[in-house]
Protein backbone atom coordinates (compact mmCIF):
# COMPACT_ATOMS: atom_id res chain seq x y z
CA UNK A 1 0.00 0.00 0.00
CA UNK A 2 2.81 2.40 0.86
CA UNK A 3 4.54 1.55 -2.44
CA UNK A 4 1.35 2.25 -4.41
CA UNK A 5 0.89 5.60 -2.67
CA UNK A 6 4.48 6.55 -3.43
CA UNK A 7 4.23 5.56 -7.10
CA UNK A 8 1.10 7.70 -7.51
CA UNK A 9 2.65 10.72 -5.71
CA UNK A 10 -0.48 11.11 -3.60
CA UNK A 11 -1.07 14.55 -2.09
CA UNK A 12 -4.37 13.92 -0.28
CA UNK A 13 -5.73 10.76 1.36
CA UNK A 14 -9.39 10.36 2.34
CA UNK A 15 -9.65 7.65 4.98
CA UNK A 16 -11.06 6.70 8.37
CA UNK A 17 -9.33 6.46 11.72
CA UNK A 18 -10.66 2.96 12.33
CA UNK A 19 -8.96 1.85 9.10
CA UNK A 20 -5.59 3.35 10.03
CA UNK A 21 -5.78 1.63 13.41
CA UNK A 22 -5.87 -1.70 11.57
CA UNK A 23 -3.28 -1.20 8.80
CA UNK A 24 -0.76 0.83 10.86
CA UNK A 25 0.56 3.04 8.05
CA UNK A 26 1.23 6.76 7.84
CA UNK A 27 -0.64 8.31 4.88
CA UNK A 28 1.42 10.68 2.71
CA UNK A 29 0.40 14.32 2.30
CA UNK A 30 -2.83 15.75 3.70
CA UNK A 31 -5.22 13.35 5.44
CA UNK A 32 -8.98 13.91 5.49
CA UNK A 33 -10.91 11.74 7.93
CA UNK A 34 -14.45 10.76 6.97
CA UNK A 35 -15.51 10.95 10.62
CA UNK A 36 -14.57 14.63 10.73
CA UNK A 37 -16.40 15.46 7.50
CA UNK A 38 -19.65 13.89 8.66
CA UNK A 39 -19.36 15.46 12.11
CA UNK A 40 -18.45 18.98 10.95
CA UNK A 41 -21.02 19.28 8.14
CA UNK A 42 -24.06 21.00 9.62
CA UNK A 43 -27.68 20.85 8.44
CA UNK A 44 -27.33 24.06 6.42
CA UNK A 45 -24.27 22.83 4.55
CA UNK A 46 -25.88 19.52 3.77
CA UNK A 47 -29.06 21.20 2.54
CA UNK A 48 -27.07 23.58 0.33
CA UNK A 49 -25.10 20.70 -1.15
CA UNK A 50 -28.28 18.71 -1.84
CA UNK A 51 -29.97 21.68 -3.53
CA UNK A 52 -26.86 22.44 -5.61
CA UNK A 53 -26.56 18.83 -6.77
CA UNK A 54 -30.23 18.65 -7.72
CA UNK A 55 -30.81 22.07 -9.28
CA UNK A 56 -27.59 23.54 -10.66
CA UNK A 57 -26.04 22.70 -14.06
CA UNK A 58 -23.23 20.15 -13.94
CA UNK A 59 -20.50 22.76 -14.57
CA UNK A 60 -21.80 24.91 -11.73
CA UNK A 61 -21.77 21.92 -9.39
CA UNK A 62 -18.17 21.21 -10.38
CA UNK A 63 -17.16 24.76 -9.49
CA UNK A 64 -19.20 24.57 -6.28
CA UNK A 65 -17.14 21.48 -5.37
CA UNK A 66 -13.82 23.20 -6.17
CA UNK A 67 -13.15 21.72 -9.62
CA UNK A 68 -11.48 24.34 -11.82
CA UNK A 69 -12.09 22.55 -15.11
CA UNK A 70 -14.33 19.82 -16.45
CA UNK A 71 -12.78 16.40 -16.90
CA UNK A 72 -12.48 15.15 -20.46
CA UNK A 73 -13.04 11.55 -21.46
CA UNK A 74 -9.31 11.16 -22.09
CA UNK A 75 -8.37 12.31 -18.58
CA UNK A 76 -7.10 9.76 -16.09
CA UNK A 77 -9.99 8.53 -13.92
CA UNK A 78 -8.22 6.07 -11.65
CA UNK A 79 -5.06 4.04 -11.11
CA UNK A 80 -5.86 0.52 -9.99
CA UNK A 81 -2.96 -1.70 -9.06
CA UNK A 82 -2.95 -5.22 -10.46
CA UNK A 83 -3.38 -7.97 -7.90
CA UNK A 84 0.28 -8.98 -7.89
CA UNK A 85 -0.71 -12.65 -7.78
CA UNK A 86 2.08 -13.58 -10.20
CA UNK A 87 4.53 -10.67 -9.80
CA UNK A 88 4.96 -7.10 -8.63
CA UNK A 89 1.71 -5.06 -8.73
CA UNK A 90 1.58 -2.54 -11.57
CA UNK A 91 -0.42 0.69 -11.58
CA UNK A 92 -3.02 0.38 -14.35
CA UNK A 93 -4.02 3.81 -15.69
CA UNK A 94 -7.71 3.89 -16.70
CA UNK A 95 -9.34 6.94 -18.30
CA UNK A 96 -12.92 8.17 -17.94
CA UNK A 97 -13.49 6.83 -21.47
CA UNK A 98 -12.24 3.38 -20.46
CA UNK A 99 -14.53 3.18 -17.43
CA UNK A 100 -17.56 4.78 -19.13
CA UNK A 101 -17.21 2.39 -22.08
CA UNK A 102 -17.08 -0.68 -19.87
CA UNK A 103 -20.07 0.50 -17.82
CA UNK A 104 -22.08 0.97 -21.03
CA UNK A 105 -20.97 -2.44 -22.32
CA UNK A 106 -22.13 -4.14 -19.11
CA UNK A 107 -25.35 -2.12 -19.10
CA UNK A 108 -26.25 -3.43 -22.55
CA UNK A 109 -25.72 -7.11 -21.80
CA UNK A 110 -27.16 -7.14 -18.27
CA UNK A 111 -30.54 -5.87 -19.57
CA UNK A 112 -31.13 -3.96 -16.34
CA UNK A 113 -34.66 -3.48 -15.02
CA UNK A 114 -36.07 -0.57 -13.02
CA UNK A 115 -36.26 -2.69 -9.85
CA UNK A 116 -32.74 -4.18 -10.07
CA UNK A 117 -30.48 -3.93 -7.03
CA UNK A 118 -26.88 -5.14 -6.92
CA UNK A 119 -25.01 -6.53 -3.90
CA UNK A 120 -21.71 -4.69 -3.45
CA UNK A 121 -19.27 -6.98 -1.69
CA UNK A 122 -16.17 -6.62 -3.88
CA UNK A 123 -13.39 -4.19 -2.86
CA UNK A 124 -13.09 -0.98 -4.86
CA UNK A 125 -9.31 -1.42 -5.15
CA UNK A 126 -10.18 -4.36 -7.41
CA UNK A 127 -11.40 -3.34 -10.87
CA UNK A 128 -14.24 -5.90 -10.78
CA UNK A 129 -15.68 -4.18 -7.71
CA UNK A 130 -14.81 -0.65 -8.86
CA UNK A 131 -16.57 -0.87 -12.22
CA UNK A 132 -19.21 -3.50 -11.49
CA UNK A 133 -20.50 -2.45 -8.08
CA UNK A 134 -19.54 1.24 -7.83
CA UNK A 135 -19.49 2.86 -11.29
CA UNK A 136 -22.28 0.76 -12.86
CA UNK A 137 -24.89 1.59 -10.17
CA UNK A 138 -23.77 5.24 -10.04
CA UNK A 139 -24.09 5.64 -13.83
CA UNK A 140 -27.38 3.77 -14.26
CA UNK A 141 -29.19 4.78 -11.07
CA UNK A 142 -29.80 1.17 -10.02
CA UNK A 143 -29.98 0.36 -6.33
CA UNK A 144 -26.93 -1.03 -4.54
CA UNK A 145 -26.40 -2.54 -1.10
CA UNK A 146 -22.84 -2.53 0.26
CA UNK A 147 -21.19 -4.73 2.85
CA UNK A 148 -17.46 -4.42 3.65
CA UNK A 149 -16.68 -8.09 4.33
CA UNK A 150 -17.33 -10.44 1.36
CA UNK A 151 -16.91 -13.57 3.51
CA UNK A 152 -19.44 -12.44 6.14
CA UNK A 153 -21.85 -14.86 4.48
CA UNK A 154 -24.74 -14.75 6.91
CA UNK A 155 -24.85 -10.95 6.97
CA UNK A 156 -24.73 -10.83 3.17
CA UNK A 157 -27.52 -13.40 2.90
CA UNK A 158 -29.64 -11.32 5.29
CA UNK A 159 -29.02 -8.13 3.28
CA UNK A 160 -29.91 -9.79 -0.04
CA UNK A 161 -33.16 -11.02 1.48
CA UNK A 162 -34.02 -7.76 3.30
CA UNK A 163 -33.51 -5.45 0.31
CA UNK A 164 -34.62 -7.80 -2.48
CA UNK A 165 -31.22 -7.76 -4.20
CA UNK A 166 -31.47 -9.09 -7.75
CA UNK A 167 -27.82 -9.16 -8.92
CA UNK A 168 -24.70 -10.55 -7.32
CA UNK A 169 -21.14 -10.15 -8.64
CA UNK A 170 -18.60 -12.26 -6.77
CA UNK A 171 -15.57 -14.51 -7.05
CA UNK A 172 -15.89 -18.33 -7.03
CA UNK A 173 -14.28 -18.36 -3.56
CA UNK A 174 -17.05 -16.15 -2.20
CA UNK A 175 -19.80 -18.11 -3.99
CA UNK A 176 -18.51 -21.31 -2.38
CA UNK A 177 -18.74 -19.70 1.07
CA UNK A 178 -22.33 -18.55 0.42
CA UNK A 179 -23.34 -22.04 -0.70
CA UNK A 180 -22.16 -23.41 2.63
CA UNK A 181 -23.57 -20.73 4.93
CA UNK A 182 -26.59 -19.05 3.29
CA UNK A 183 -30.07 -20.52 2.91
CA UNK A 184 -31.98 -20.77 -0.37
CA UNK A 185 -34.45 -18.25 1.08
CA UNK A 186 -31.61 -15.73 1.59
CA UNK A 187 -30.91 -15.61 -2.14
CA UNK A 188 -34.48 -16.07 -3.35
CA UNK A 189 -34.65 -12.62 -4.99
CA UNK A 190 -31.54 -13.07 -7.17
CA UNK A 191 -32.11 -13.20 -10.93
CA UNK A 192 -28.49 -12.94 -12.11
CA UNK A 193 -25.23 -14.12 -10.53
CA UNK A 194 -21.88 -13.42 -12.17
CA UNK A 195 -18.55 -14.95 -11.15
CA UNK A 196 -15.25 -13.40 -12.13
CA UNK A 197 -11.64 -12.65 -11.07
CA UNK A 198 -10.70 -16.34 -11.27
CA UNK A 199 -11.82 -19.51 -13.06
CA UNK A 200 -15.25 -20.78 -11.98
CA UNK A 201 -14.87 -24.52 -11.25
CA UNK A 202 -17.84 -26.59 -12.37
CA UNK A 203 -18.10 -28.16 -8.92
CA UNK A 204 -18.69 -24.73 -7.31
CA UNK A 205 -21.11 -23.65 -10.04
CA UNK A 206 -23.13 -26.86 -9.76
CA UNK A 207 -23.21 -26.78 -5.95
CA UNK A 208 -24.43 -23.15 -6.01
CA UNK A 209 -27.14 -23.99 -8.55
CA UNK A 210 -28.25 -27.10 -6.65
CA UNK A 211 -28.51 -25.12 -3.40
CA UNK A 212 -30.03 -21.84 -4.60
CA UNK A 213 -31.74 -22.84 -7.85
CA UNK A 214 -29.83 -20.28 -9.93
CA UNK A 215 -26.72 -20.89 -12.02
CA UNK A 216 -23.77 -18.49 -11.74
CA UNK A 217 -22.63 -17.10 -15.09
CA UNK A 218 -18.90 -16.84 -15.58
CA UNK A 219 -17.33 -13.66 -16.92
CA UNK A 220 -13.77 -12.74 -17.75
CA UNK A 221 -11.72 -9.60 -17.50
CA UNK A 222 -8.43 -7.97 -16.58
CA UNK A 223 -7.63 -4.80 -14.69
CA UNK A 224 -6.07 -3.55 -17.93
CA UNK A 225 -9.50 -3.90 -19.63
CA UNK A 226 -11.46 -1.89 -17.05
CA UNK A 227 -12.05 -4.94 -16.42
CA UNK A 228 -14.86 -6.78 -18.25
CA UNK A 229 -14.10 -8.45 -21.60
CA UNK A 230 -16.57 -11.33 -21.94
CA UNK A 231 -19.60 -12.59 -20.04
CA UNK A 232 -22.20 -15.33 -20.16
CA UNK A 233 -25.70 -13.88 -20.03
CA UNK A 234 -29.30 -14.94 -19.52
CA UNK A 235 -30.82 -16.56 -22.62
CA UNK A 236 -32.85 -14.19 -24.80
CA UNK A 237 -36.38 -15.36 -25.63
CA UNK A 238 -39.03 -13.74 -27.81
CA UNK A 239 -42.05 -15.67 -29.08
CA UNK A 240 -40.60 -18.72 -30.87
CA UNK A 241 -37.05 -17.29 -30.96
CA UNK A 242 -34.31 -18.15 -28.48
CA UNK A 243 -30.69 -17.07 -28.35
CA UNK A 244 -28.43 -19.01 -25.99
CA UNK A 245 -26.54 -16.60 -23.76
CA UNK A 246 -24.37 -19.03 -21.81
CA UNK A 247 -22.40 -22.24 -22.07
CA UNK A 248 -21.19 -23.99 -18.95
CA UNK A 249 -17.40 -23.92 -18.66
CA UNK A 250 -17.04 -20.95 -21.02
CA UNK A 251 -16.45 -17.26 -20.26
CA UNK A 252 -19.13 -16.26 -22.76
CA UNK A 253 -19.04 -13.84 -25.70
CA UNK A 254 -17.12 -10.56 -25.95
CA UNK A 255 -19.02 -7.50 -24.73
CA UNK A 256 -20.36 -5.03 -27.35
CA UNK A 257 -17.57 -2.98 -28.90
CA UNK A 258 -14.83 -5.43 -27.91
CA UNK A 259 -12.88 -7.42 -30.50
CA UNK A 260 -10.94 -10.52 -29.57
CA UNK A 261 -8.68 -12.83 -31.52
CA UNK A 262 -6.88 -16.02 -30.60
CA UNK A 263 -3.44 -16.38 -32.14
CA UNK A 264 -0.40 -18.61 -32.16
CA UNK A 265 1.89 -17.26 -29.40
CA UNK A 266 4.96 -17.47 -31.64
CA UNK A 267 3.68 -16.30 -35.04
CA UNK A 268 0.69 -14.21 -33.82
CA UNK A 269 -1.33 -15.71 -36.68
CA UNK A 270 -5.00 -16.56 -35.93
CA UNK A 271 -5.68 -20.18 -34.99
CA UNK A 272 -8.65 -22.28 -36.11
CA UNK A 273 -11.97 -22.96 -34.41
CA UNK A 274 -11.58 -24.70 -31.04
CA UNK A 275 -7.78 -24.53 -31.27
CA UNK A 276 -5.86 -23.12 -28.27
CA UNK A 277 -3.91 -19.91 -28.62
CA UNK A 278 -3.03 -16.58 -27.04
CA UNK A 279 -6.02 -14.32 -26.32
CA UNK A 280 -5.70 -10.71 -27.58
CA UNK A 281 -8.29 -8.00 -26.86
CA UNK A 282 -9.03 -4.60 -28.42
CA UNK A 283 -11.70 -2.05 -27.51
CA UNK A 284 -12.49 1.32 -25.90
CA UNK A 285 -12.00 -0.18 -22.45
CA UNK A 286 -8.27 -0.93 -22.90
CA UNK A 287 -6.02 0.95 -20.46
CA UNK A 288 -3.81 3.92 -21.28
CA UNK A 289 -0.82 2.00 -19.92
CA UNK A 290 1.11 1.13 -16.76
CA UNK A 291 2.07 3.97 -14.44
CA UNK A 292 5.74 4.97 -14.96
CA UNK A 293 6.45 1.67 -16.74
CA UNK A 294 6.60 2.36 -20.50
CA UNK A 295 8.62 -0.78 -21.16
CA UNK A 296 6.01 -2.97 -19.42
CA UNK A 297 3.26 -1.19 -21.36
CA UNK A 298 5.03 -1.92 -24.66
CA UNK A 299 5.21 -5.61 -23.74
CA UNK A 300 1.41 -5.98 -23.59
CA UNK A 301 0.03 -3.29 -25.94
CA UNK A 302 0.59 -3.45 -29.69
CA UNK A 303 -1.45 -1.32 -32.12
CA UNK A 304 -4.35 -1.21 -29.66
CA UNK A 305 -4.33 -4.96 -28.97
CA UNK A 306 -3.86 -6.02 -25.35
CA UNK A 307 -2.00 -9.29 -24.76
CA UNK A 308 -3.86 -10.98 -21.91
CA UNK A 309 -1.27 -13.71 -21.41
CA UNK A 310 -4.14 -16.21 -21.27
CA UNK A 311 -4.46 -19.33 -23.40
CA UNK A 312 -7.99 -19.68 -24.82
CA UNK A 313 -10.03 -21.29 -27.56
CA UNK A 314 -13.27 -20.26 -29.29
CA UNK A 315 -15.94 -22.73 -30.41
CA UNK A 316 -18.14 -22.57 -33.50
CA UNK A 317 -20.75 -20.51 -31.63
CA UNK A 318 -18.26 -17.86 -30.54
CA UNK A 319 -18.08 -18.94 -26.89
CA UNK A 320 -14.60 -18.63 -25.42
CA UNK A 321 -12.92 -20.90 -22.90
CA UNK A 322 -9.78 -20.06 -20.94
CA UNK A 323 -7.55 -23.11 -20.69
CA UNK A 324 -4.49 -21.70 -18.88
CA UNK A 325 -2.13 -18.78 -18.44
CA UNK A 326 1.16 -18.68 -20.32
CA UNK A 327 2.80 -17.80 -16.99
CA UNK A 328 1.26 -20.88 -15.36
CA UNK A 329 3.16 -23.49 -17.33
CA UNK A 330 6.31 -25.28 -16.32
CA UNK A 331 8.84 -26.46 -18.87
CA UNK A 332 9.86 -29.88 -17.59
CA UNK A 333 12.25 -31.95 -19.68
CA UNK A 334 11.31 -29.85 -22.72
CA UNK A 335 7.54 -30.36 -22.28
CA UNK A 336 5.09 -27.65 -21.21
CA UNK A 337 3.01 -28.74 -18.21
CA UNK A 338 -0.12 -26.64 -17.41
CA UNK A 339 -0.59 -25.91 -13.69
CA UNK A 340 -4.33 -25.20 -13.85
CA UNK A 341 -5.06 -28.49 -15.64
CA UNK A 342 -3.13 -30.43 -12.98
CA UNK A 343 -4.99 -28.56 -10.21
CA UNK A 344 -8.37 -29.38 -11.77
CA UNK A 345 -7.51 -33.06 -12.07
CA UNK A 346 -6.31 -33.25 -8.46
CA UNK A 347 -9.49 -31.53 -7.23
CA UNK A 348 -11.58 -34.05 -9.16
CA UNK A 349 -9.61 -37.07 -7.90
CA UNK A 350 -9.83 -35.84 -4.30
CA UNK A 351 -13.58 -35.30 -4.65
CA UNK A 352 -13.50 -31.89 -2.94
CA UNK A 353 -15.47 -28.76 -3.80
CA UNK A 354 -13.34 -26.24 -1.91
CA UNK A 355 -10.02 -25.23 -3.47
CA UNK A 356 -7.55 -27.65 -1.89
CA UNK A 357 -4.52 -27.63 -4.22
CA UNK A 358 -2.33 -24.99 -5.79
CA UNK A 359 0.35 -26.06 -8.24
CA UNK A 360 3.59 -24.13 -8.55
CA UNK A 361 7.17 -24.99 -9.49
CA UNK A 362 10.74 -24.78 -8.21
CA UNK A 363 14.05 -25.01 -10.13
CA UNK A 364 15.35 -28.50 -10.90
CA UNK A 365 18.94 -29.18 -12.02
CA UNK A 366 18.06 -32.10 -14.26
CA UNK A 367 14.72 -31.13 -15.86
CA UNK A 368 14.68 -27.35 -15.53
CA UNK A 369 11.65 -27.19 -13.24
CA UNK A 370 9.82 -29.46 -10.82
CA UNK A 371 6.15 -29.28 -9.90
CA UNK A 372 5.25 -28.63 -6.27
CA UNK A 373 1.69 -29.09 -5.03
CA UNK A 374 0.69 -27.13 -1.94
CA UNK A 375 -2.39 -28.67 -0.35
CA UNK A 376 -4.55 -28.73 2.78
CA UNK A 377 -5.51 -32.44 2.84
CA UNK A 378 -4.87 -34.76 5.76
CA UNK A 379 -2.73 -37.86 5.24
CA UNK A 380 -5.52 -40.38 4.58
CA UNK A 381 -7.41 -38.46 1.83
CA UNK A 382 -4.08 -37.50 0.26
CA UNK A 383 -3.07 -41.16 0.02
CA UNK A 384 -6.42 -41.96 -1.63
CA UNK A 385 -5.91 -39.13 -4.11
CA UNK A 386 -2.37 -40.31 -4.90
CA UNK A 387 -3.60 -43.85 -5.50
CA UNK A 388 -6.12 -42.56 -8.06
CA UNK A 389 -3.48 -40.32 -9.61
CA UNK A 390 -1.18 -43.32 -10.10
CA UNK A 391 -3.90 -45.15 -12.03
CA UNK A 392 -4.86 -42.17 -14.18
CA UNK A 393 -3.90 -41.83 -17.83
CA UNK A 394 -2.13 -38.49 -17.29
CA UNK A 395 1.30 -38.10 -18.89
CA UNK A 396 4.05 -39.01 -16.44
CA UNK A 397 5.42 -35.45 -16.31
CA UNK A 398 1.98 -34.19 -15.26
CA UNK A 399 1.82 -36.54 -12.25
CA UNK A 400 3.57 -35.14 -9.18
CA UNK A 401 5.08 -37.76 -6.87
CA UNK A 402 4.24 -37.96 -3.18
CA UNK A 403 7.34 -36.01 -2.13
CA UNK A 404 6.19 -33.13 -4.36
CA UNK A 405 3.05 -32.65 -2.25
CA UNK A 406 3.59 -30.22 0.62
CA UNK A 407 0.89 -29.66 3.23
CA UNK A 408 0.10 -26.17 4.55
CA UNK A 409 -2.64 -25.02 6.91
CA UNK A 410 -4.32 -22.62 4.48
CA UNK A 411 -3.83 -21.79 0.82
CA UNK A 412 -2.60 -18.20 0.33
CA UNK A 413 -5.23 -15.77 -0.95
CA UNK A 414 -5.22 -12.10 -1.86
CA UNK A 415 -7.86 -9.69 -0.55
CA UNK A 416 -9.62 -9.94 -3.92
CA UNK A 417 -10.31 -13.67 -3.44
CA UNK A 418 -7.65 -14.77 -5.94
CA UNK A 419 -4.99 -17.32 -5.11
CA UNK A 420 -1.73 -15.56 -4.24
CA UNK A 421 0.48 -17.43 -6.70
CA UNK A 422 3.54 -15.36 -5.88
CA UNK A 423 3.29 -16.26 -2.20
CA UNK A 424 2.58 -19.90 -3.10
CA UNK A 425 5.83 -20.12 -5.06
CA UNK A 426 7.70 -18.46 -2.20
CA UNK A 427 6.32 -21.04 0.23
CA UNK A 428 7.30 -23.86 -2.13
CA UNK A 429 10.87 -22.55 -2.47
CA UNK A 430 11.16 -22.08 1.28
CA UNK A 431 9.79 -25.52 2.16
CA UNK A 432 11.86 -27.41 -0.44
CA UNK A 433 15.01 -25.55 0.61
CA UNK A 434 14.35 -26.39 4.25
CA UNK A 435 13.79 -30.07 3.38
CA UNK A 436 17.21 -30.22 1.70
CA UNK A 437 18.93 -29.19 4.92
CA UNK A 438 17.01 -31.45 7.29
């Protein structure tokens, strides 16, 4: 957090004392405490502000609030730092045009109704929460109910029920928690559930649907794309016509105004239908670039195309599936081994719904790299999983041996609900190094 503040050269910080008591950092520049603003603003000031906001032209309101010029669409709106799950966080510069475009794109595919209310449980420092649960409601006028703790499942279930919330945007990790702790009655008002930020495992999607009677639709995005790129939607029906909006296991179709192509990572030539390749994205929602990192920007932006670093394939109906990340492969004995595929197989063999494995790699003198599986299983279920793994038809290089499984108490997660892959690799390096000296 201190590094992000320094990179942005912050001059003013708006915060709360209760927050600073928890994080124990000294904000740079001037600090404005929300408690003081609410306490010092009298009835007259609040009334004047309300009248100004409701009656004055927009430019007059801007001047009333101290803005000396109107913002243009090309002005910087926000800097959101990437999660840092695979490396150092980078400041992603998003303009008003980027955000406004993505809000309009989501508005068109969500087919919002006058009575829609969205549940805001995602952090605003994450682009999924910033655009989906802050900017979208603000721009469209839809109702929104906020709760600061996304894993406070019972409180969230009570709020959804109390206020008749109709839309929920969440990560698969959070959806899994709600399936375990919320009742079907809690989520009875929901008409649309969207999962993003990480891959939606079929076991979590099916368990949620079985419990609540509504299927989560998977979407896909990146901070660099403001963030939404694709989404599965509710089927469209009119008289005898029906258009399928979703396919299980896919991330849906590109949003309006967004162009995607899947290319060979080496030649950058388009691949065929249902063939895996590198996913590139172009549209009005693509970032300006990384803050103070022109060389990093040049690595991912080329003639308006953003290189997602994700491996994907598109079927004959235009539905896209993410199969892996280029950064989540290990080159072992000259063969590329996909971490996500190995994780999915282990989850299936272990018969568990909650994320139990994370695959990473450490250097190996003979083969270049060696898979390491961090897990939370006890000895008996691990042995059963290993027995099934030994009988599977997986290639030998894809099958970690028993000594490559390392147990930890809890898998490392970021505040956004994503697996902290950087920390996972650090743990693997530390534990394997320690084992060598024991």
